[in-house]
Amino acid sequence: MKAIIDIPKDVNGTLGIIKIQNDFKNKSETISAIVRVYESLFLDNAFNKDFVNKILKISKSNSKKFSFKNIKDFEKEFEK
C-alpha cells in the first residue's frame, strides 16, 4: 500500500537516524519496523483470548456504550 503523509521535520530527522542505525533501505521500511515494535509492545498483549472474550461478553450485553477518546481511556475500561 502506498500513502502520502505529512511528517514534521523533527520526526523526519528521527526517522532518518533510525533508518541509518538499522540499515533500512528507506523510510517506508523504517516506519513499518517502528509500527511492528509498537504492535509487539502494546497491541499483542491486548488481544489475548481473555481480552477478546471480555469484549465479546460486553458487546453481547448491549448495556454498555463505548466512548473512548484515547488508548488510555480504552485500557482503563478493560482493566476492570
Protein backbone atom coordinates (compact mmCIF):
# COMPACT_ATOMS: atom_id res chain seq x y z
CA MET A 1 0.00 0.00 0.00
CA LYS A 2 1.23 3.45 -0.78
CA ALA A 3 0.40 6.56 1.23
CA ILE A 4 1.40 10.18 1.20
CA ILE A 5 1.81 11.50 4.74
CA ASP A 6 2.95 14.77 6.29
CA ILE A 7 5.77 14.28 8.78
CA PRO A 8 7.13 17.08 10.95
CA LYS A 9 10.80 17.93 10.32
CA ASP A 10 11.95 16.66 13.71
CA VAL A 11 10.16 13.33 13.24
CA ASN A 12 11.61 13.04 9.74
CA GLY A 13 15.07 13.56 11.24
CA THR A 14 14.45 10.85 13.80
CA LEU A 15 13.25 8.50 11.06
CA GLY A 16 16.48 9.20 9.19
CA ILE A 17 18.57 8.32 12.24
CA ILE A 18 16.61 5.10 12.87
CA LYS A 19 16.95 4.23 9.17
CA ILE A 20 20.73 4.62 9.26
CA GLN A 21 21.17 2.85 12.63
CA ASN A 22 19.23 -0.20 11.45
CA ASP A 23 20.43 -0.20 7.83
CA PHE A 24 16.89 0.05 6.46
CA LYS A 25 16.53 0.61 2.70
CA ASN A 26 14.14 3.54 3.00
CA LYS A 27 11.89 5.42 5.40
CA SER A 28 8.92 3.26 4.47
CA GLU A 29 10.77 0.23 5.82
CA THR A 30 11.72 2.30 8.87
CA ILE A 31 8.11 3.27 9.61
CA SER A 32 7.00 -0.35 9.18
CA ALA A 33 9.61 -1.50 11.70
CA ILE A 34 8.56 1.16 14.21
CA VAL A 35 4.89 0.16 13.87
CA ARG A 36 5.81 -3.52 14.38
CA VAL A 37 7.68 -2.65 17.58
CA TYR A 38 4.68 -0.65 18.82
CA GLU A 39 2.40 -3.57 17.95
CA SER A 40 4.52 -6.07 19.86
CA LEU A 41 4.81 -3.81 22.90
CA PHE A 42 1.27 -2.51 23.15
CA LEU A 43 -1.14 -4.49 21.00
CA ASP A 44 -0.16 -8.17 21.11
CA ASN A 45 -0.93 -8.47 24.82
CA ALA A 46 -4.20 -6.61 24.47
CA PHE A 47 -5.66 -9.15 22.09
CA ASN A 48 -5.21 -12.31 24.07
CA LYS A 49 -8.05 -14.83 24.48
CA ASP A 50 -9.30 -13.43 27.80
CA PHE A 51 -9.41 -9.92 26.39
CA VAL A 52 -11.35 -10.99 23.32
CA ASN A 53 -13.83 -12.97 25.45
CA LYS A 54 -14.35 -9.96 27.71
CA ILE A 55 -15.06 -7.71 24.72
CA LEU A 56 -17.49 -10.26 23.27
CA LYS A 57 -19.32 -10.59 26.60
CA ILE A 58 -19.67 -6.83 26.95
CA SER A 59 -20.77 -6.36 23.35
CA LYS A 60 -23.43 -9.07 23.70
CA SER A 61 -24.89 -7.44 26.80
CA ASN A 62 -25.57 -4.20 24.86
CA SER A 63 -25.92 -2.50 28.21
CA LYS A 64 -22.68 -0.61 27.84
CA LYS A 65 -21.88 2.05 25.29
CA PHE A 66 -18.29 2.75 24.42
CA SER A 67 -16.83 6.20 24.08
CA PHE A 68 -13.05 6.30 24.13
CA LYS A 69 -11.13 9.47 23.48
CA ASN A 70 -7.73 7.79 23.57
CA ILE A 71 -5.98 4.48 24.19
CA LYS A 72 -5.57 5.18 27.92
CA ASP A 73 -9.35 5.51 28.35
CA PHE A 74 -9.76 2.26 26.43
CA GLU A 75 -7.21 0.43 28.61
CA LYS A 76 -8.80 1.75 31.84
CA GLU A 77 -12.19 0.46 30.76
CA PHE A 78 -10.91 -3.05 30.18
CA GLU A 79 -8.73 -3.30 33.27
CA LYS A 80 -11.93 -3.62 35.33
